[in-house]
Amino acid sequence: LDLRDVAEVPIESLPFGTRKRVELARALIG
């Protein structure tokens, strides 16, 4: 999901499109 560069970044610092990929990652890890 192209999130490696922001792995240690707080969600509140990220743009909306990136946040959507994070939520997708959280669903997939389960």
All heavy atoms as atom14 arrays in JSON, in Angstrom:
{
  "sequence": "LDLRDVAEVPIESLPFGTRKRVELARALIG",
  "atom14_mask": [
    [1, 1, 1, 1, 1, 1, 1, 1, 0, 0, 0, 0, 0, 0],
    [1, 1, 1, 1, 1, 1, 1, 1, 0, 0, 0, 0, 0, 0],
    [1, 1, 1, 1, 1, 1, 1, 1, 0, 0, 0, 0, 0, 0],
    [1, 1, 1, 1, 1, 1, 1, 1, 1, 1, 1, 0, 0, 0],
    [1, 1, 1, 1, 1, 1, 1, 1, 0, 0, 0, 0, 0, 0],
    [1, 1, 1, 1, 1, 1, 1, 0, 0, 0, 0, 0, 0, 0],
    [1, 1, 1, 1, 1, 0, 0, 0, 0, 0, 0, 0, 0, 0],
    [1, 1, 1, 1, 1, 1, 1, 1, 1, 0, 0, 0, 0, 0],
    [1, 1, 1, 1, 1, 1, 1, 0, 0, 0, 0, 0, 0, 0],
    [1, 1, 1, 1, 1, 1, 1, 0, 0, 0, 0, 0, 0, 0],
    [1, 1, 1, 1, 1, 1, 1, 1, 0, 0, 0, 0, 0, 0],
    [1, 1, 1, 1, 1, 1, 1, 1, 1, 0, 0, 0, 0, 0],
    [1, 1, 1, 1, 1, 1, 0, 0, 0, 0, 0, 0, 0, 0],
    [1, 1, 1, 1, 1, 1, 1, 1, 0, 0, 0, 0, 0, 0],
    [1, 1, 1, 1, 1, 1, 1, 0, 0, 0, 0, 0, 0, 0],
    [1, 1, 1, 1, 1, 1, 1, 1, 1, 1, 1, 0, 0, 0],
    [1, 1, 1, 1, 0, 0, 0, 0, 0, 0, 0, 0, 0, 0],
    [1, 1, 1, 1, 1, 1, 1, 0, 0, 0, 0, 0, 0, 0],
    [1, 1, 1, 1, 1, 1, 1, 1, 1, 1, 1, 0, 0, 0],
    [1, 1, 1, 1, 1, 1, 1, 1, 1, 0, 0, 0, 0, 0],
    [1, 1, 1, 1, 1, 1, 1, 1, 1, 1, 1, 0, 0, 0],
    [1, 1, 1, 1, 1, 1, 1, 0, 0, 0, 0, 0, 0, 0],
    [1, 1, 1, 1, 1, 1, 1, 1, 1, 0, 0, 0, 0, 0],
    [1, 1, 1, 1, 1, 1, 1, 1, 0, 0, 0, 0, 0, 0],
    [1, 1, 1, 1, 1, 0, 0, 0, 0, 0, 0, 0, 0, 0],
    [1, 1, 1, 1, 1, 1, 1, 1, 1, 1, 1, 0, 0, 0],
    [1, 1, 1, 1, 1, 0, 0, 0, 0, 0, 0, 0, 0, 0],
    [1, 1, 1, 1, 1, 1, 1, 1, 0, 0, 0, 0, 0, 0],
    [1, 1, 1, 1, 1, 1, 1, 1, 0, 0, 0, 0, 0, 0],
    [1, 1, 1, 1, 0, 0, 0, 0, 0, 0, 0, 0, 0, 0]
  ],
  "atom14_positions": [
    [[0.81, -1.21, 0.0], [0.0, 0.0, 0.0], [0.85, 1.27, 0.0], [0.32, 2.37, 0.23], [-0.94, -0.01, 1.2], [-1.94, -1.18, 1.22], [-2.75, -1.17, 2.5], [-2.85, -1.14, 0.02], [0.0, 0.0, 0.0], [0.0, 0.0, 0.0], [0.0, 0.0, 0.0], [0.0, 0.0, 0.0], [0.0, 0.0, 0.0], [0.0, 0.0, 0.0]],
    [[2.14, 1.12, -0.27], [3.05, 2.27, -0.39], [3.01, 3.14, 0.86], [2.89, 4.36, 0.79], [2.68, 3.09, -1.63], [3.78, 4.09, -2.02], [4.94, 3.86, -1.64], [3.46, 5.09, -2.68], [0.0, 0.0, 0.0], [0.0, 0.0, 0.0], [0.0, 0.0, 0.0], [0.0, 0.0, 0.0], [0.0, 0.0, 0.0], [0.0, 0.0, 0.0]],
    [[3.15, 2.5, 2.01], [3.08, 3.21, 3.29], [4.39, 3.15, 4.08], [4.47, 3.69, 5.19], [1.96, 2.61, 4.16], [0.53, 2.81, 3.67], [-0.44, 1.96, 4.49], [0.13, 4.28, 3.72], [0.0, 0.0, 0.0], [0.0, 0.0, 0.0], [0.0, 0.0, 0.0], [0.0, 0.0, 0.0], [0.0, 0.0, 0.0], [0.0, 0.0, 0.0]],
    [[5.41, 2.53, 3.52], [6.64, 2.33, 4.29], [7.27, 3.65, 4.73], [7.75, 3.76, 5.87], [7.65, 1.5, 3.48], [8.95, 1.23, 4.24], [9.75, 0.12, 3.62], [9.03, -1.14, 3.65], [8.91, -1.91, 4.73], [9.45, -1.52, 5.87], [8.27, -3.05, 4.67], [0.0, 0.0, 0.0], [0.0, 0.0, 0.0], [0.0, 0.0, 0.0]],
    [[7.25, 4.64, 3.88], [7.89, 5.92, 4.21], [7.17, 6.67, 5.33], [7.74, 7.59, 5.92], [8.0, 6.81, 2.98], [9.01, 6.29, 1.97], [9.83, 5.42, 2.34], [8.97, 6.74, 0.81], [0.0, 0.0, 0.0], [0.0, 0.0, 0.0], [0.0, 0.0, 0.0], [0.0, 0.0, 0.0], [0.0, 0.0, 0.0], [0.0, 0.0, 0.0]],
    [[5.93, 6.3, 5.6], [5.16, 7.01, 6.64], [4.79, 6.07, 7.79], [3.93, 6.4, 8.61], [3.88, 7.65, 6.06], [4.23, 8.72, 5.04], [2.97, 6.59, 5.43], [0.0, 0.0, 0.0], [0.0, 0.0, 0.0], [0.0, 0.0, 0.0], [0.0, 0.0, 0.0], [0.0, 0.0, 0.0], [0.0, 0.0, 0.0], [0.0, 0.0, 0.0]],
    [[5.44, 4.94, 7.89], [5.07, 3.93, 8.88], [5.09, 4.45, 10.31], [4.27, 4.06, 11.14], [5.99, 2.7, 8.76], [0.0, 0.0, 0.0], [0.0, 0.0, 0.0], [0.0, 0.0, 0.0], [0.0, 0.0, 0.0], [0.0, 0.0, 0.0], [0.0, 0.0, 0.0], [0.0, 0.0, 0.0], [0.0, 0.0, 0.0], [0.0, 0.0, 0.0]],
    [[6.03, 5.36, 10.61], [6.16, 5.87, 11.98], [5.58, 7.28, 12.13], [5.83, 7.96, 13.13], [7.63, 5.87, 12.4], [8.36, 4.56, 12.13], [7.65, 3.33, 12.72], [6.98, 3.49, 13.77], [7.76, 2.24, 12.14], [0.0, 0.0, 0.0], [0.0, 0.0, 0.0], [0.0, 0.0, 0.0], [0.0, 0.0, 0.0], [0.0, 0.0, 0.0]],
    [[4.8, 7.71, 11.16], [4.2, 9.05, 11.18], [2.79, 8.98, 11.78], [2.01, 8.09, 11.44], [4.13, 9.64, 9.75], [3.44, 10.99, 9.74], [5.53, 9.74, 9.16], [0.0, 0.0, 0.0], [0.0, 0.0, 0.0], [0.0, 0.0, 0.0], [0.0, 0.0, 0.0], [0.0, 0.0, 0.0], [0.0, 0.0, 0.0], [0.0, 0.0, 0.0]],
    [[2.44, 9.92, 12.68], [1.07, 9.94, 13.21], [0.04, 10.2, 12.11], [0.3, 10.95, 11.17], [1.1, 11.11, 14.22], [2.53, 11.3, 14.56], [3.3, 10.93, 13.31], [0.0, 0.0, 0.0], [0.0, 0.0, 0.0], [0.0, 0.0, 0.0], [0.0, 0.0, 0.0], [0.0, 0.0, 0.0], [0.0, 0.0, 0.0], [0.0, 0.0, 0.0]],
    [[-1.1, 9.59, 12.24], [-2.16, 9.7, 11.24], [-2.55, 11.16, 11.01], [-2.8, 11.59, 9.87], [-3.4, 8.9, 11.69], [-3.11, 7.41, 11.67], [-4.61, 9.22, 10.81], [-2.81, 6.84, 10.31], [0.0, 0.0, 0.0], [0.0, 0.0, 0.0], [0.0, 0.0, 0.0], [0.0, 0.0, 0.0], [0.0, 0.0, 0.0], [0.0, 0.0, 0.0]],
    [[-2.59, 11.95, 12.06], [-3.04, 13.34, 11.94], [-2.14, 14.18, 11.04], [-2.55, 15.26, 10.59], [-3.14, 13.97, 13.33], [-1.84, 14.0, 14.09], [-2.03, 14.38, 15.54], [-3.2, 14.61, 15.93], [-1.03, 14.44, 16.29], [0.0, 0.0, 0.0], [0.0, 0.0, 0.0], [0.0, 0.0, 0.0], [0.0, 0.0, 0.0], [0.0, 0.0, 0.0]],
    [[-0.94, 13.7, 10.74], [-0.02, 14.44, 9.89], [-0.12, 14.07, 8.41], [0.59, 14.63, 7.58], [1.43, 14.21, 10.36], [1.59, 14.58, 11.71], [0.0, 0.0, 0.0], [0.0, 0.0, 0.0], [0.0, 0.0, 0.0], [0.0, 0.0, 0.0], [0.0, 0.0, 0.0], [0.0, 0.0, 0.0], [0.0, 0.0, 0.0], [0.0, 0.0, 0.0]],
    [[-0.99, 13.13, 8.09], [-1.03, 12.57, 6.74], [-2.21, 13.1, 5.93], [-3.27, 13.41, 6.48], [-1.13, 11.04, 6.81], [0.05, 10.34, 7.49], [-0.25, 8.86, 7.65], [1.33, 10.56, 6.7], [0.0, 0.0, 0.0], [0.0, 0.0, 0.0], [0.0, 0.0, 0.0], [0.0, 0.0, 0.0], [0.0, 0.0, 0.0], [0.0, 0.0, 0.0]],
    [[-2.07, 13.19, 4.59], [-3.18, 13.61, 3.74], [-4.27, 12.55, 3.69], [-4.04, 11.38, 4.02], [-2.52, 13.81, 2.38], [-1.3, 12.97, 2.4], [-0.82, 12.97, 3.82], [0.0, 0.0, 0.0], [0.0, 0.0, 0.0], [0.0, 0.0, 0.0], [0.0, 0.0, 0.0], [0.0, 0.0, 0.0], [0.0, 0.0, 0.0], [0.0, 0.0, 0.0]],
    [[-5.43, 12.96, 3.22], [-6.62, 12.1, 3.24], [-6.41, 10.8, 2.46], [-6.76, 9.71, 2.94], [-7.81, 12.86, 2.67], [-9.1, 12.1, 2.71], [-9.8, 11.95, 3.9], [-9.61, 11.53, 1.56], [-10.99, 11.24, 3.94], [-10.81, 10.82, 1.59], [-11.5, 10.68, 2.78], [0.0, 0.0, 0.0], [0.0, 0.0, 0.0], [0.0, 0.0, 0.0]],
    [[-5.83, 10.89, 1.27], [-5.64, 9.7, 0.45], [-4.76, 8.67, 1.13], [-5.01, 7.45, 1.04], [0.0, 0.0, 0.0], [0.0, 0.0, 0.0], [0.0, 0.0, 0.0], [0.0, 0.0, 0.0], [0.0, 0.0, 0.0], [0.0, 0.0, 0.0], [0.0, 0.0, 0.0], [0.0, 0.0, 0.0], [0.0, 0.0, 0.0], [0.0, 0.0, 0.0]],
    [[-3.73, 9.12, 1.83], [-2.85, 8.21, 2.56], [-3.59, 7.58, 3.73], [-3.44, 6.38, 4.0], [-1.6, 8.96, 3.07], [-0.95, 9.58, 1.97], [-0.63, 7.99, 3.74], [0.0, 0.0, 0.0], [0.0, 0.0, 0.0], [0.0, 0.0, 0.0], [0.0, 0.0, 0.0], [0.0, 0.0, 0.0], [0.0, 0.0, 0.0], [0.0, 0.0, 0.0]],
    [[-4.4, 8.36, 4.41], [-5.18, 7.82, 5.53], [-6.1, 6.7, 5.05], [-6.32, 5.72, 5.77], [-5.99, 8.91, 6.19], [-5.17, 10.0, 6.86], [-6.06, 10.99, 7.58], [-5.33, 12.17, 8.01], [-5.82, 13.1, 8.82], [-7.05, 12.99, 9.28], [-5.09, 14.14, 9.16], [0.0, 0.0, 0.0], [0.0, 0.0, 0.0], [0.0, 0.0, 0.0]],
    [[-6.66, 6.85, 3.87], [-7.55, 5.81, 3.36], [-6.79, 4.52, 3.13], [-7.31, 3.42, 3.37], [-8.22, 6.28, 2.05], [-9.1, 7.5, 2.23], [-10.2, 7.59, 1.2], [-11.31, 6.63, 1.5], [-12.6, 6.99, 0.9], [0.0, 0.0, 0.0], [0.0, 0.0, 0.0], [0.0, 0.0, 0.0], [0.0, 0.0, 0.0], [0.0, 0.0, 0.0]],
    [[-5.54, 4.62, 2.69], [-4.72, 3.42, 2.51], [-4.38, 2.78, 3.86], [-4.31, 1.56, 3.96], [-3.44, 3.73, 1.74], [-3.68, 4.2, 0.31], [-2.46, 3.98, -0.58], [-1.25, 4.58, -0.03], [-0.89, 5.83, -0.2], [-1.67, 6.65, -0.89], [0.25, 6.28, 0.31], [0.0, 0.0, 0.0], [0.0, 0.0, 0.0], [0.0, 0.0, 0.0]],
    [[-4.21, 3.61, 4.87], [-3.93, 3.07, 6.21], [-5.14, 2.28, 6.72], [-5.0, 1.18, 7.29], [-3.58, 4.2, 7.2], [-3.41, 3.64, 8.61], [-2.3, 4.92, 6.76], [0.0, 0.0, 0.0], [0.0, 0.0, 0.0], [0.0, 0.0, 0.0], [0.0, 0.0, 0.0], [0.0, 0.0, 0.0], [0.0, 0.0, 0.0], [0.0, 0.0, 0.0]],
    [[-6.33, 2.82, 6.53], [-7.52, 2.1, 6.99], [-7.68, 0.78, 6.23], [-8.07, -0.23, 6.8], [-8.77, 2.96, 6.84], [-9.95, 2.32, 7.55], [-11.17, 3.22, 7.61], [-11.54, 3.78, 6.58], [-11.74, 3.33, 8.7], [0.0, 0.0, 0.0], [0.0, 0.0, 0.0], [0.0, 0.0, 0.0], [0.0, 0.0, 0.0], [0.0, 0.0, 0.0]],
    [[-7.35, 0.8, 4.95], [-7.39, -0.44, 4.17], [-6.38, -1.44, 4.71], [-6.68, -2.64, 4.85], [-7.11, -0.12, 2.7], [-7.08, -1.29, 1.72], [-8.37, -2.09, 1.78], [-6.82, -0.79, 0.31], [0.0, 0.0, 0.0], [0.0, 0.0, 0.0], [0.0, 0.0, 0.0], [0.0, 0.0, 0.0], [0.0, 0.0, 0.0], [0.0, 0.0, 0.0]],
    [[-5.17, -0.96, 5.05], [-4.15, -1.84, 5.61], [-4.61, -2.44, 6.93], [-4.39, -3.62, 7.22], [-2.85, -1.06, 5.81], [0.0, 0.0, 0.0], [0.0, 0.0, 0.0], [0.0, 0.0, 0.0], [0.0, 0.0, 0.0], [0.0, 0.0, 0.0], [0.0, 0.0, 0.0], [0.0, 0.0, 0.0], [0.0, 0.0, 0.0], [0.0, 0.0, 0.0]],
    [[-5.26, -1.62, 7.77], [-5.74, -2.11, 9.06], [-6.79, -3.2, 8.88], [-6.85, -4.17, 9.65], [-6.31, -0.96, 9.89], [-6.66, -1.39, 11.31], [-7.11, -0.23, 12.17], [-8.34, 0.37, 11.68], [-8.95, 1.39, 12.26], [-8.4, 1.95, 13.33], [-10.07, 1.88, 11.78], [0.0, 0.0, 0.0], [0.0, 0.0, 0.0], [0.0, 0.0, 0.0]],
    [[-7.64, -3.07, 7.87], [-8.64, -4.1, 7.6], [-7.98, -5.38, 7.07], [-8.38, -6.48, 7.43], [-9.67, -3.59, 6.6], [0.0, 0.0, 0.0], [0.0, 0.0, 0.0], [0.0, 0.0, 0.0], [0.0, 0.0, 0.0], [0.0, 0.0, 0.0], [0.0, 0.0, 0.0], [0.0, 0.0, 0.0], [0.0, 0.0, 0.0], [0.0, 0.0, 0.0]],
    [[-6.96, -5.22, 6.24], [-6.33, -6.39, 5.63], [-5.46, -7.18, 6.6], [-5.32, -8.4, 6.45], [-5.48, -5.95, 4.43], [-6.23, -5.6, 3.15], [-5.31, -4.97, 2.14], [-6.9, -6.85, 2.57], [0.0, 0.0, 0.0], [0.0, 0.0, 0.0], [0.0, 0.0, 0.0], [0.0, 0.0, 0.0], [0.0, 0.0, 0.0], [0.0, 0.0, 0.0]],
    [[-4.85, -6.51, 7.57], [-3.95, -7.22, 8.47], [-4.69, -8.25, 9.3], [-4.11, -9.22, 9.8], [-3.17, -6.24, 9.36], [-1.92, -6.93, 9.92], [-4.04, -5.7, 10.48], [-0.98, -6.0, 10.64], [0.0, 0.0, 0.0], [0.0, 0.0, 0.0], [0.0, 0.0, 0.0], [0.0, 0.0, 0.0], [0.0, 0.0, 0.0], [0.0, 0.0, 0.0]],
    [[-6.0, -8.08, 9.44], [-6.81, -9.04, 10.17], [-7.11, -10.31, 9.4], [-7.85, -11.16, 9.88], [0.0, 0.0, 0.0], [0.0, 0.0, 0.0], [0.0, 0.0, 0.0], [0.0, 0.0, 0.0], [0.0, 0.0, 0.0], [0.0, 0.0, 0.0], [0.0, 0.0, 0.0], [0.0, 0.0, 0.0], [0.0, 0.0, 0.0], [0.0, 0.0, 0.0]]
  ]
}
